[in-house]
Amino acid sequence: MVLEIFANLGYIILLINTVIFLMGFSKWGKAYKIFAFYLFVMFLIQITVGTLQYMRIDNLFLSHFYFILQFILLSFFYLNLGLNGVQKKIIQLGFVFCLLTLSVQYALDFSLFLKFNLFEIFITSFLIILYGTFQLYNLLNEKKEFYYINLGILIYLFGSTVLFLVGNLATKMATEFNDIPWILNALLYVVYQIFILYEWKKSFSGTKKLSYGQ
């Protein structure tokens, strides 16, 4: 019951964020557009997950689309922020390495596509956390573009990665503990969406056009 409440709340705020960010799609810079598209894609995946779950159809394979598309879109998002040359090179190398490694892994064992791939979760989340850390460092002395979004990404991905790894172990524990990691993950997702909503209110809800992500 608690898990369902947090999950539904996260989806509702995600819908709100998707709508309001798409409303300003033509007004702001490239990084904004990429993040708005990211929200839209994540919303579509969540809708598909919910639909398949309602129809009692296995939806676990959608987790791979979630993590890989999140990695791809957030990588492009960070590439369009004010990172220096070395940081951008690291993102480009990480992007190629991650997708190439996962492609080889699935080519060698396609059965991974039908279950949680802990390596996929770790590598995609770790690299985005690394990129977010670059941006957080840069924002210490620069204009705080996407500050709250970046902070939300770091908090959510760090916490959720740990919880996914722990959650895999929890399946071997007593039944009463199985839902705890997923409840905490759903709560983290709500917090993440609130950070995004606050960023929009603080930085993009006005009428003045800024140069974010140009």
N, C-alpha and C. Protein backbone atom coordinates (compact mmCIF):
# COMPACT_ATOMS: atom_id res chain seq x y z
N MET A 1 0.83 -1.21 0.00
CA MET A 1 0.00 0.00 0.00
C MET A 1 0.86 1.26 0.00
N VAL A 2 1.87 1.31 0.90
CA VAL A 2 2.77 2.46 0.97
C VAL A 2 3.55 2.61 -0.32
N LEU A 3 4.04 1.47 -0.86
CA LEU A 3 4.78 1.49 -2.12
C LEU A 3 3.91 2.05 -3.24
N GLU A 4 2.67 1.64 -3.31
CA GLU A 4 1.76 2.11 -4.35
C GLU A 4 1.49 3.60 -4.24
N ILE A 5 1.38 4.11 -3.02
CA ILE A 5 1.13 5.54 -2.80
C ILE A 5 2.31 6.36 -3.31
N PHE A 6 3.53 5.99 -2.89
CA PHE A 6 4.72 6.73 -3.33
C PHE A 6 4.92 6.62 -4.83
N ALA A 7 4.70 5.42 -5.38
CA ALA A 7 4.89 5.22 -6.82
C ALA A 7 3.92 6.08 -7.62
N ASN A 8 2.66 6.10 -7.22
CA ASN A 8 1.66 6.89 -7.94
C ASN A 8 1.92 8.38 -7.80
N LEU A 9 2.38 8.80 -6.61
CA LEU A 9 2.72 10.21 -6.40
C LEU A 9 3.87 10.62 -7.30
N GLY A 10 4.88 9.75 -7.41
CA GLY A 10 6.01 10.03 -8.30
C GLY A 10 5.57 10.16 -9.74
N TYR A 11 4.65 9.29 -10.18
CA TYR A 11 4.17 9.34 -11.56
C TYR A 11 3.36 10.61 -11.83
N ILE A 12 2.58 11.03 -10.82
CA ILE A 12 1.76 12.25 -10.98
C ILE A 12 2.67 13.47 -11.14
N ILE A 13 3.70 13.56 -10.29
CA ILE A 13 4.62 14.71 -10.38
C ILE A 13 5.42 14.63 -11.68
N LEU A 14 5.78 13.41 -12.11
CA LEU A 14 6.46 13.25 -13.40
C LEU A 14 5.59 13.76 -14.54
N LEU A 15 4.31 13.46 -14.50
CA LEU A 15 3.38 13.95 -15.53
C LEU A 15 3.34 15.48 -15.52
N ILE A 16 3.24 16.06 -14.34
CA ILE A 16 3.21 17.52 -14.22
C ILE A 16 4.50 18.12 -14.79
N ASN A 17 5.64 17.55 -14.40
CA ASN A 17 6.93 18.05 -14.89
C ASN A 17 7.05 17.92 -16.40
N THR A 18 6.57 16.80 -16.94
CA THR A 18 6.64 16.58 -18.38
C THR A 18 5.84 17.65 -19.12
N VAL A 19 4.64 17.91 -18.64
CA VAL A 19 3.76 18.89 -19.29
C VAL A 19 4.36 20.29 -19.23
N ILE A 20 4.80 20.71 -18.06
CA ILE A 20 5.29 22.09 -17.92
C ILE A 20 6.62 22.30 -18.64
N PHE A 21 7.48 21.27 -18.69
CA PHE A 21 8.74 21.42 -19.42
C PHE A 21 8.49 21.43 -20.92
N LEU A 22 7.56 20.61 -21.39
CA LEU A 22 7.25 20.61 -22.82
C LEU A 22 6.60 21.93 -23.25
N MET A 23 5.89 22.59 -22.34
CA MET A 23 5.27 23.87 -22.66
C MET A 23 6.31 24.93 -23.00
N GLY A 24 7.49 24.82 -22.42
CA GLY A 24 8.55 25.79 -22.71
C GLY A 24 9.59 25.26 -23.68
N PHE A 25 9.24 24.20 -24.42
CA PHE A 25 10.21 23.52 -25.29
C PHE A 25 10.84 24.45 -26.32
N SER A 26 10.05 25.32 -26.92
CA SER A 26 10.56 26.19 -27.99
C SER A 26 11.24 27.45 -27.46
N LYS A 27 11.16 27.65 -26.15
CA LYS A 27 11.63 28.91 -25.57
C LYS A 27 13.07 28.85 -25.09
N TRP A 28 13.49 27.67 -24.63
CA TRP A 28 14.78 27.58 -23.97
C TRP A 28 15.83 26.87 -24.82
N GLY A 29 17.03 26.71 -24.26
CA GLY A 29 18.15 26.18 -25.02
C GLY A 29 18.14 24.68 -25.21
N LYS A 30 19.23 24.18 -25.80
CA LYS A 30 19.30 22.77 -26.20
C LYS A 30 19.27 21.83 -25.00
N ALA A 31 19.99 22.16 -23.94
CA ALA A 31 20.01 21.29 -22.76
C ALA A 31 18.60 21.16 -22.17
N TYR A 32 17.87 22.26 -22.15
CA TYR A 32 16.49 22.24 -21.66
C TYR A 32 15.64 21.31 -22.52
N LYS A 33 15.77 21.42 -23.84
CA LYS A 33 14.99 20.59 -24.75
C LYS A 33 15.29 19.11 -24.56
N ILE A 34 16.57 18.78 -24.38
CA ILE A 34 16.95 17.38 -24.16
C ILE A 34 16.34 16.87 -22.86
N PHE A 35 16.38 17.69 -21.81
CA PHE A 35 15.83 17.25 -20.53
C PHE A 35 14.32 17.11 -20.62
N ALA A 36 13.66 18.02 -21.32
CA ALA A 36 12.21 17.91 -21.51
C ALA A 36 11.86 16.63 -22.25
N PHE A 37 12.64 16.29 -23.27
CA PHE A 37 12.41 15.06 -24.03
C PHE A 37 12.67 13.84 -23.14
N TYR A 38 13.68 13.93 -22.29
CA TYR A 38 13.97 12.86 -21.32
C TYR A 38 12.76 12.60 -20.42
N LEU A 39 12.16 13.66 -19.91
CA LEU A 39 10.97 13.51 -19.06
C LEU A 39 9.84 12.84 -19.84
N PHE A 40 9.66 13.26 -21.09
CA PHE A 40 8.60 12.69 -21.92
C PHE A 40 8.83 11.19 -22.15
N VAL A 41 10.06 10.80 -22.45
CA VAL A 41 10.38 9.39 -22.68
C VAL A 41 10.17 8.58 -21.40
N MET A 42 10.62 9.11 -20.26
CA MET A 42 10.44 8.41 -18.99
C MET A 42 8.96 8.23 -18.66
N PHE A 43 8.17 9.24 -18.98
CA PHE A 43 6.72 9.15 -18.73
C PHE A 43 6.09 8.07 -19.61
N LEU A 44 6.49 8.01 -20.87
CA LEU A 44 5.96 6.98 -21.77
C LEU A 44 6.31 5.58 -21.27
N ILE A 45 7.54 5.42 -20.78
CA ILE A 45 7.95 4.12 -20.26
C ILE A 45 7.13 3.75 -19.03
N GLN A 46 6.91 4.73 -18.14
CA GLN A 46 6.13 4.46 -16.93
C GLN A 46 4.69 4.10 -17.27
N ILE A 47 4.11 4.76 -18.26
CA ILE A 47 2.76 4.45 -18.70
C ILE A 47 2.69 3.03 -19.25
N THR A 48 3.70 2.66 -20.03
CA THR A 48 3.75 1.31 -20.61
C THR A 48 3.90 0.26 -19.52
N VAL A 49 4.77 0.55 -18.54
CA VAL A 49 4.96 -0.36 -17.41
C VAL A 49 3.64 -0.58 -16.67
N GLY A 50 2.94 0.53 -16.38
CA GLY A 50 1.68 0.44 -15.67
C GLY A 50 0.61 -0.31 -16.45
N THR A 51 0.58 -0.08 -17.77
CA THR A 51 -0.41 -0.75 -18.62
C THR A 51 -0.18 -2.26 -18.65
N LEU A 52 1.09 -2.65 -18.84
CA LEU A 52 1.41 -4.08 -18.87
C LEU A 52 1.15 -4.75 -17.53
N GLN A 53 1.45 -3.99 -16.45
CA GLN A 53 1.20 -4.53 -15.11
C GLN A 53 -0.30 -4.74 -14.89
N TYR A 54 -1.10 -3.79 -15.34
CA TYR A 54 -2.56 -3.91 -15.21
C TYR A 54 -3.08 -5.11 -16.01
N MET A 55 -2.46 -5.36 -17.15
CA MET A 55 -2.87 -6.49 -17.99
C MET A 55 -2.21 -7.80 -17.56
N ARG A 56 -1.42 -7.72 -16.48
CA ARG A 56 -0.71 -8.88 -15.94
C ARG A 56 0.23 -9.52 -16.97
N ILE A 57 0.91 -8.64 -17.70
CA ILE A 57 1.93 -9.06 -18.67
C ILE A 57 3.30 -8.69 -18.10
N ASP A 58 4.25 -9.58 -18.24
CA ASP A 58 5.60 -9.33 -17.72
C ASP A 58 6.17 -8.05 -18.34
N ASN A 59 6.60 -7.13 -17.48
CA ASN A 59 7.14 -5.85 -17.97
C ASN A 59 8.58 -5.62 -17.57
N LEU A 60 9.24 -6.67 -17.07
CA LEU A 60 10.60 -6.51 -16.57
C LEU A 60 11.57 -6.07 -17.66
N PHE A 61 11.32 -6.48 -18.90
CA PHE A 61 12.21 -6.11 -20.01
C PHE A 61 12.27 -4.60 -20.22
N LEU A 62 11.23 -3.88 -19.78
CA LEU A 62 11.20 -2.43 -19.95
C LEU A 62 12.24 -1.73 -19.08
N SER A 63 12.73 -2.42 -18.04
CA SER A 63 13.75 -1.81 -17.20
C SER A 63 15.00 -1.47 -18.01
N HIS A 64 15.30 -2.29 -19.04
CA HIS A 64 16.48 -2.04 -19.86
C HIS A 64 16.31 -0.78 -20.70
N PHE A 65 15.10 -0.58 -21.22
CA PHE A 65 14.82 0.65 -21.97
C PHE A 65 14.93 1.86 -21.03
N TYR A 66 14.44 1.69 -19.81
CA TYR A 66 14.48 2.78 -18.83
C TYR A 66 15.92 3.21 -18.55
N PHE A 67 16.77 2.25 -18.16
CA PHE A 67 18.13 2.59 -17.76
C PHE A 67 18.99 3.04 -18.94
N ILE A 68 18.85 2.38 -20.08
CA ILE A 68 19.69 2.73 -21.23
C ILE A 68 19.28 4.07 -21.83
N LEU A 69 17.96 4.28 -22.00
CA LEU A 69 17.51 5.57 -22.56
C LEU A 69 17.79 6.71 -21.59
N GLN A 70 17.65 6.45 -20.29
CA GLN A 70 18.00 7.47 -19.30
C GLN A 70 19.47 7.83 -19.42
N PHE A 71 20.31 6.83 -19.57
CA PHE A 71 21.75 7.07 -19.72
C PHE A 71 22.05 7.88 -20.97
N ILE A 72 21.45 7.50 -22.09
CA ILE A 72 21.71 8.19 -23.35
C ILE A 72 21.28 9.65 -23.29
N LEU A 73 20.05 9.88 -22.84
CA LEU A 73 19.51 11.24 -22.84
C LEU A 73 20.20 12.14 -21.82
N LEU A 74 20.50 11.61 -20.64
CA LEU A 74 21.19 12.43 -19.64
C LEU A 74 22.65 12.67 -20.03
N SER A 75 23.25 11.74 -20.76
CA SER A 75 24.61 11.98 -21.28
C SER A 75 24.60 13.17 -22.24
N PHE A 76 23.65 13.20 -23.16
CA PHE A 76 23.53 14.34 -24.09
C PHE A 76 23.18 15.62 -23.33
N PHE A 77 22.37 15.49 -22.28
CA PHE A 77 22.02 16.65 -21.46
C PHE A 77 23.28 17.28 -20.87
N TYR A 78 24.14 16.45 -20.27
CA TYR A 78 25.36 16.98 -19.66
C TYR A 78 26.36 17.49 -20.70
N LEU A 79 26.37 16.86 -21.86
CA LEU A 79 27.27 17.33 -22.92
C LEU A 79 26.92 18.74 -23.37
N ASN A 80 25.68 19.15 -23.17
CA ASN A 80 25.24 20.47 -23.60
C ASN A 80 25.23 21.50 -22.47
N LEU A 81 25.82 21.14 -21.35
CA LEU A 81 26.01 22.11 -20.26
C LEU A 81 27.43 22.68 -20.35
N GLY A 82 27.77 23.56 -19.45
CA GLY A 82 29.06 24.25 -19.54
C GLY A 82 30.23 23.47 -18.99
N LEU A 83 30.41 22.23 -19.45
CA LEU A 83 31.54 21.43 -19.00
C LEU A 83 32.79 21.79 -19.81
N ASN A 84 33.96 21.54 -19.21
CA ASN A 84 35.20 21.84 -19.95
C ASN A 84 35.54 20.70 -20.91
N GLY A 85 36.59 20.90 -21.71
CA GLY A 85 36.94 19.93 -22.75
C GLY A 85 37.24 18.54 -22.22
N VAL A 86 37.98 18.47 -21.12
CA VAL A 86 38.34 17.17 -20.53
C VAL A 86 37.09 16.44 -20.04
N GLN A 87 36.21 17.18 -19.38
CA GLN A 87 34.97 16.57 -18.87
C GLN A 87 34.10 16.05 -20.01
N LYS A 88 33.98 16.82 -21.08
CA LYS A 88 33.20 16.37 -22.23
C LYS A 88 33.82 15.14 -22.89
N LYS A 89 35.14 15.09 -22.92
CA LYS A 89 35.82 13.93 -23.51
C LYS A 89 35.53 12.68 -22.67
N ILE A 90 35.53 12.83 -21.36
CA ILE A 90 35.23 11.70 -20.47
C ILE A 90 33.80 11.21 -20.71
N ILE A 91 32.87 12.14 -20.88
CA ILE A 91 31.48 11.76 -21.14
C ILE A 91 31.38 11.01 -22.47
N GLN A 92 32.07 11.49 -23.49
CA GLN A 92 32.02 10.84 -24.79
C GLN A 92 32.61 9.43 -24.74
N LEU A 93 33.74 9.28 -24.03
CA LEU A 93 34.36 7.97 -23.90
C LEU A 93 33.49 7.04 -23.06
N GLY A 94 32.91 7.58 -21.97
CA GLY A 94 32.03 6.79 -21.13
C GLY A 94 30.79 6.33 -21.88
N PHE A 95 30.29 7.19 -22.74
CA PHE A 95 29.11 6.88 -23.53
C PHE A 95 29.37 5.68 -24.45
N VAL A 96 30.48 5.75 -25.18
CA VAL A 96 30.84 4.67 -26.11
C VAL A 96 31.14 3.39 -25.35
N PHE A 97 31.92 3.50 -24.27
CA PHE A 97 32.30 2.32 -23.48
C PHE A 97 31.08 1.61 -22.91
N CYS A 98 30.17 2.37 -22.35
CA CYS A 98 28.98 1.80 -21.71
C CYS A 98 28.11 1.07 -22.73
N LEU A 99 27.77 1.73 -23.82
CA LEU A 99 26.89 1.12 -24.81
C LEU A 99 27.54 -0.07 -25.51
N LEU A 100 28.84 0.04 -25.76
CA LEU A 100 29.55 -1.07 -26.39
C LEU A 100 29.61 -2.28 -25.46
N THR A 101 29.90 -2.04 -24.19
CA THR A 101 29.98 -3.12 -23.20
C THR A 101 28.64 -3.82 -23.03
N LEU A 102 27.57 -3.04 -22.93
CA LEU A 102 26.24 -3.63 -22.78
C LEU A 102 25.82 -4.39 -24.04
N SER A 103 26.19 -3.88 -25.20
CA SER A 103 25.86 -4.57 -26.45
C SER A 103 26.53 -5.94 -26.50
N VAL A 104 27.80 -5.99 -26.12
CA VAL A 104 28.53 -7.26 -26.10
C VAL A 104 27.91 -8.20 -25.08
N GLN A 105 27.56 -7.66 -23.91
CA GLN A 105 26.98 -8.49 -22.85
C GLN A 105 25.67 -9.13 -23.30
N TYR A 106 24.79 -8.35 -23.92
CA TYR A 106 23.51 -8.89 -24.38
C TYR A 106 23.69 -9.83 -25.57
N ALA A 107 24.69 -9.58 -26.40
CA ALA A 107 24.96 -10.47 -27.53
C ALA A 107 25.42 -11.84 -27.05
N LEU A 108 26.19 -11.85 -25.94
CA LEU A 108 26.70 -13.10 -25.39
C LEU A 108 25.65 -13.84 -24.56
N ASP A 109 24.75 -13.10 -23.93
CA ASP A 109 23.73 -13.72 -23.08
C ASP A 109 22.43 -12.92 -23.17
N PHE A 110 21.61 -13.25 -24.16
CA PHE A 110 20.37 -12.50 -24.38
C PHE A 110 19.36 -12.72 -23.26
N SER A 111 19.52 -13.78 -22.47
CA SER A 111 18.59 -14.06 -21.36
C SER A 111 18.61 -12.93 -20.33
N LEU A 112 19.68 -12.13 -20.31
CA LEU A 112 19.76 -11.00 -19.39
C LEU A 112 18.66 -9.99 -19.68
N PHE A 113 18.17 -9.98 -20.90
CA PHE A 113 17.13 -9.04 -21.30
C PHE A 113 15.81 -9.32 -20.59
N LEU A 114 15.67 -10.52 -20.06
CA LEU A 114 14.42 -10.94 -19.43
C LEU A 114 14.46 -10.82 -17.91
N LYS A 115 15.52 -10.22 -17.37
CA LYS A 115 15.61 -10.05 -15.92
C LYS A 115 16.41 -8.78 -15.61
N PHE A 116 16.44 -8.40 -14.33
CA PHE A 116 17.23 -7.24 -13.94
C PHE A 116 18.70 -7.50 -14.24
N ASN A 117 19.34 -6.54 -14.89
CA ASN A 117 20.77 -6.62 -15.18
C ASN A 117 21.48 -5.66 -14.23
N LEU A 118 22.03 -6.19 -13.16
CA LEU A 118 22.63 -5.34 -12.14
C LEU A 118 23.84 -4.57 -12.67
N PHE A 119 24.58 -5.18 -13.60
CA PHE A 119 25.72 -4.46 -14.19
C PHE A 119 25.23 -3.26 -14.98
N GLU A 120 24.16 -3.45 -15.74
CA GLU A 120 23.57 -2.35 -16.51
C GLU A 120 23.14 -1.20 -15.59
N ILE A 121 22.47 -1.55 -14.50
CA ILE A 121 22.02 -0.54 -13.55
C ILE A 121 23.21 0.21 -12.97
N PHE A 122 24.25 -0.54 -12.60
CA PHE A 122 25.42 0.08 -11.97
C PHE A 122 26.18 0.98 -12.93
N ILE A 123 26.51 0.47 -14.13
CA ILE A 123 27.38 1.23 -15.04
C ILE A 123 26.68 2.48 -15.57
N THR A 124 25.40 2.37 -15.91
CA THR A 124 24.69 3.55 -16.43
C THR A 124 24.52 4.60 -15.35
N SER A 125 24.18 4.15 -14.15
CA SER A 125 23.98 5.11 -13.04
C SER A 125 25.29 5.71 -12.57
N PHE A 126 26.34 4.89 -12.48
CA PHE A 126 27.64 5.38 -12.03
C PHE A 126 28.16 6.48 -12.94
N LEU A 127 28.05 6.28 -14.26
CA LEU A 127 28.56 7.28 -15.19
C LEU A 127 27.76 8.57 -15.12
N ILE A 128 26.44 8.48 -14.99
CA ILE A 128 25.63 9.70 -14.86
C ILE A 128 25.96 10.42 -13.56
N ILE A 129 26.19 9.67 -12.48
CA ILE A 129 26.60 10.29 -11.22
C ILE A 129 27.94 11.01 -11.40
N LEU A 130 28.85 10.40 -12.15
CA LEU A 130 30.14 11.04 -12.43
C LEU A 130 29.95 12.34 -13.20
N TYR A 131 29.10 12.32 -14.22
CA TYR A 131 28.84 13.53 -15.00
C TYR A 131 28.19 14.61 -14.14
N GLY A 132 27.25 14.18 -13.29
CA GLY A 132 26.59 15.13 -12.39
C GLY A 132 27.55 15.75 -11.40
N THR A 133 28.55 14.97 -10.99
CA THR A 133 29.57 15.48 -10.07
C THR A 133 30.43 16.54 -10.76
N PHE A 134 30.74 16.31 -12.04
CA PHE A 134 31.45 17.34 -12.82
C PHE A 134 30.66 18.65 -12.80
N GLN A 135 29.37 18.55 -13.09
CA GLN A 135 28.53 19.73 -13.17
C GLN A 135 28.42 20.41 -11.81
N LEU A 136 28.30 19.63 -10.75
CA LEU A 136 28.19 20.20 -9.40
C LEU A 136 29.46 20.97 -9.05
N TYR A 137 30.62 20.42 -9.41
CA TYR A 137 31.89 21.10 -9.17
C TYR A 137 31.96 22.41 -9.95
N ASN A 138 31.55 22.36 -11.22
CA ASN A 138 31.60 23.57 -12.05
C ASN A 138 30.67 24.66 -11.53
N LEU A 139 29.55 24.25 -10.93
CA LEU A 139 28.57 25.22 -10.46
C LEU A 139 29.00 25.95 -9.20
N LEU A 140 30.10 25.51 -8.59
CA LEU A 140 30.57 26.17 -7.37
C LEU A 140 30.98 27.61 -7.66
N ASN A 141 31.50 27.84 -8.86
CA ASN A 141 32.00 29.18 -9.20
C ASN A 141 31.33 29.77 -10.44
N GLU A 142 30.27 29.13 -10.92
CA GLU A 142 29.61 29.61 -12.12
C GLU A 142 28.12 29.81 -11.86
N LYS A 143 27.44 30.34 -12.89
CA LYS A 143 26.00 30.50 -12.80
C LYS A 143 25.35 29.14 -12.62
N LYS A 144 24.44 29.06 -11.65
CA LYS A 144 23.87 27.78 -11.27
C LYS A 144 22.77 27.33 -12.23
N GLU A 145 23.17 26.96 -13.44
CA GLU A 145 22.23 26.44 -14.42
C GLU A 145 21.89 24.99 -14.08
N PHE A 146 20.59 24.69 -14.02
CA PHE A 146 20.10 23.34 -13.74
C PHE A 146 20.64 22.79 -12.41
N TYR A 147 20.85 23.69 -11.46
CA TYR A 147 21.45 23.28 -10.17
C TYR A 147 20.59 22.26 -9.45
N TYR A 148 19.29 22.53 -9.33
CA TYR A 148 18.42 21.63 -8.57
C TYR A 148 18.15 20.33 -9.32
N ILE A 149 18.06 20.41 -10.64
CA ILE A 149 17.92 19.19 -11.43
C ILE A 149 19.14 18.30 -11.25
N ASN A 150 20.32 18.90 -11.34
CA ASN A 150 21.56 18.15 -11.18
C ASN A 150 21.65 17.53 -9.79
N LEU A 151 21.27 18.30 -8.77
CA LEU A 151 21.28 17.79 -7.40
C LEU A 151 20.30 16.63 -7.24
N GLY A 152 19.13 16.78 -7.85
CA GLY A 152 18.13 15.71 -7.79
C GLY A 152 18.61 14.44 -8.47
N ILE A 153 19.28 14.59 -9.61
CA ILE A 153 19.83 13.44 -10.33
C ILE A 153 20.85 12.71 -9.45
N LEU A 154 21.74 13.46 -8.82
CA LEU A 154 22.77 12.85 -7.98
C LEU A 154 22.16 12.10 -6.79
N ILE A 155 21.21 12.74 -6.12
CA ILE A 155 20.58 12.11 -4.95
C ILE A 155 19.81 10.86 -5.36
N TYR A 156 19.02 10.98 -6.43
CA TYR A 156 18.18 9.86 -6.84
C TYR A 156 19.01 8.69 -7.36
N LEU A 157 19.95 8.96 -8.27
CA LEU A 157 20.70 7.86 -8.86
C LEU A 157 21.62 7.18 -7.86
N PHE A 158 22.25 7.96 -6.98
CA PHE A 158 23.11 7.34 -5.97
C PHE A 158 22.28 6.45 -5.05
N GLY A 159 21.17 7.00 -4.56
CA GLY A 159 20.32 6.23 -3.66
C GLY A 159 19.67 5.03 -4.32
N SER A 160 19.15 5.22 -5.53
CA SER A 160 18.44 4.14 -6.21
C SER A 160 19.38 3.02 -6.63
N THR A 161 20.62 3.37 -7.00
CA THR A 161 21.59 2.33 -7.38
C THR A 161 21.88 1.42 -6.19
N VAL A 162 22.10 2.03 -5.04
CA VAL A 162 22.33 1.24 -3.82
C VAL A 162 21.11 0.38 -3.50
N LEU A 163 19.93 0.97 -3.62
CA LEU A 163 18.70 0.25 -3.29
C LEU A 163 18.41 -0.89 -4.26
N PHE A 164 18.73 -0.70 -5.55
CA PHE A 164 18.54 -1.79 -6.52
C PHE A 164 19.45 -2.96 -6.19
N LEU A 165 20.70 -2.65 -5.83
CA LEU A 165 21.64 -3.71 -5.48
C LEU A 165 21.21 -4.41 -4.20
N VAL A 166 20.77 -3.63 -3.23
CA VAL A 166 20.28 -4.20 -1.97
C VAL A 166 18.98 -4.97 -2.20
N GLY A 167 18.13 -4.42 -3.07
CA GLY A 167 16.85 -5.06 -3.37
C GLY A 167 17.02 -6.44 -3.95
N ASN A 168 18.09 -6.62 -4.73
CA ASN A 168 18.36 -7.94 -5.29
C ASN A 168 18.67 -8.94 -4.19
N LEU A 169 19.36 -8.46 -3.13
CA LEU A 169 19.64 -9.33 -1.99
C LEU A 169 18.41 -9.54 -1.14
N ALA A 170 17.52 -8.54 -1.11
CA ALA A 170 16.33 -8.60 -0.26
C ALA A 170 15.38 -9.71 -0.69
N THR A 171 15.46 -10.09 -1.97
CA THR A 171 14.58 -11.17 -2.45
C THR A 171 14.90 -12.49 -1.78
N LYS A 172 16.11 -12.58 -1.20
CA LYS A 172 16.51 -13.80 -0.52
C LYS A 172 16.23 -13.72 0.99
N MET A 173 15.72 -12.58 1.44
CA MET A 173 15.44 -12.37 2.85
C MET A 173 13.98 -12.72 3.13
N ALA A 174 13.59 -12.49 4.39
CA ALA A 174 12.21 -12.74 4.78
C ALA A 174 11.27 -11.86 3.98
N THR A 175 10.07 -12.37 3.69
CA THR A 175 9.11 -11.68 2.82
C THR A 175 8.78 -10.28 3.31
N GLU A 176 8.72 -10.08 4.64
CA GLU A 176 8.32 -8.78 5.17
C GLU A 176 9.33 -7.68 4.86
N PHE A 177 10.55 -8.05 4.46
CA PHE A 177 11.57 -7.05 4.15
C PHE A 177 11.69 -6.77 2.66
N ASN A 178 11.00 -7.54 1.84
CA ASN A 178 11.18 -7.45 0.39
C ASN A 178 10.82 -6.08 -0.18
N ASP A 179 9.79 -5.44 0.38
CA ASP A 179 9.29 -4.18 -0.19
C ASP A 179 10.06 -2.95 0.28
N ILE A 180 10.86 -3.08 1.32
CA ILE A 180 11.52 -1.91 1.91
C ILE A 180 12.40 -1.17 0.90
N PRO A 181 13.30 -1.85 0.17
CA PRO A 181 14.13 -1.12 -0.81
C PRO A 181 13.30 -0.43 -1.88
N TRP A 182 12.20 -1.06 -2.31
CA TRP A 182 11.38 -0.48 -3.38
C TRP A 182 10.56 0.70 -2.87
N ILE A 183 10.15 0.66 -1.60
CA ILE A 183 9.45 1.80 -1.00
C ILE A 183 10.39 3.00 -0.93
N LEU A 184 11.61 2.75 -0.46
CA LEU A 184 12.60 3.82 -0.36
C LEU A 184 12.96 4.36 -1.74
N ASN A 185 13.04 3.49 -2.73
CA ASN A 185 13.33 3.93 -4.10
C ASN A 185 12.20 4.80 -4.64
N ALA A 186 10.95 4.39 -4.38
CA ALA A 186 9.80 5.20 -4.81
C ALA A 186 9.81 6.56 -4.13
N LEU A 187 10.19 6.59 -2.86
CA LEU A 187 10.28 7.86 -2.13
C LEU A 187 11.36 8.75 -2.72
N LEU A 188 12.51 8.15 -3.05
CA LEU A 188 13.59 8.90 -3.68
C LEU A 188 13.14 9.49 -5.02
N TYR A 189 12.33 8.74 -5.75
CA TYR A 189 11.85 9.21 -7.05
C TYR A 189 10.93 10.42 -6.88
N VAL A 190 10.11 10.40 -5.83
CA VAL A 190 9.25 11.55 -5.52
C VAL A 190 10.12 12.77 -5.23
N VAL A 191 11.17 12.58 -4.42
CA VAL A 191 12.09 13.67 -4.09
C VAL A 191 12.75 14.22 -5.35
N TYR A 192 13.17 13.33 -6.23
CA TYR A 192 13.79 13.71 -7.50
C TYR A 192 12.85 14.56 -8.34
N GLN A 193 11.61 14.14 -8.45
CA GLN A 193 10.64 14.90 -9.24
C GLN A 193 10.33 16.26 -8.61
N ILE A 194 10.36 16.32 -7.29
CA ILE A 194 10.15 17.60 -6.60
C ILE A 194 11.30 18.57 -6.91
N PHE A 195 12.52 18.06 -6.95
CA PHE A 195 13.68 18.88 -7.31
C PHE A 195 13.50 19.43 -8.73
N ILE A 196 13.03 18.59 -9.64
CA ILE A 196 12.80 19.03 -11.03
C ILE A 196 11.73 20.12 -11.07
N LEU A 197 10.66 19.90 -10.34
CA LEU A 197 9.56 20.88 -10.29
C LEU A 197 10.05 22.21 -9.72
N TYR A 198 10.87 22.14 -8.69
CA TYR A 198 11.39 23.37 -8.07
C TYR A 198 12.32 24.10 -9.04
N GLU A 199 13.12 23.34 -9.81
CA GLU A 199 13.99 23.95 -10.81
C GLU A 199 13.16 24.72 -11.85
N TRP A 200 12.08 24.09 -12.29
CA TRP A 200 11.23 24.77 -13.28
C TRP A 200 10.65 26.06 -12.69
N LYS A 201 10.16 25.98 -11.45
CA LYS A 201 9.55 27.15 -10.81
C LYS A 201 10.57 28.27 -10.63
N LYS A 202 11.79 27.91 -10.24
CA LYS A 202 12.80 28.92 -9.94
C LYS A 202 13.47 29.49 -11.20
N SER A 203 13.67 28.63 -12.22
CA SER A 203 14.47 29.05 -13.36
C SER A 203 13.70 29.25 -14.66
N PHE A 204 12.54 28.60 -14.82
CA PHE A 204 11.89 28.59 -16.13
C PHE A 204 10.42 29.02 -16.14
N SER A 205 9.89 29.36 -14.99
CA SER A 205 8.47 29.70 -14.95
C SER A 205 8.20 31.16 -15.33
N GLY A 206 9.27 31.98 -15.40
CA GLY A 206 9.10 33.38 -15.77
C GLY A 206 8.95 33.55 -17.26
N THR A 207 8.78 34.77 -17.69
CA THR A 207 8.59 35.08 -19.10
C THR A 207 9.89 35.44 -19.80
N LYS A 208 10.94 35.74 -19.02
CA LYS A 208 12.19 36.16 -19.61
C LYS A 208 12.97 34.95 -20.11
N LYS A 209 13.44 35.02 -21.34
CA LYS A 209 14.20 33.92 -21.92
C LYS A 209 15.65 34.02 -21.48
N LEU A 210 16.17 32.90 -20.93
CA LEU A 210 17.54 32.84 -20.49
C LEU A 210 18.35 32.01 -21.48
N SER A 211 19.67 31.92 -21.26
CA SER A 211 20.54 31.21 -22.19
C SER A 211 20.91 29.83 -21.67
N TYR A 212 20.03 29.21 -20.89
CA TYR A 212 20.36 27.91 -20.31
C TYR A 212 20.59 26.88 -21.41
N GLY A 213 21.77 26.25 -21.36
CA GLY A 213 22.08 25.16 -22.25
C GLY A 213 22.19 25.56 -23.71
N GLN A 214 22.49 26.81 -23.96
CA GLN A 214 22.60 27.24 -25.36
C GLN A 214 23.89 26.67 -25.96
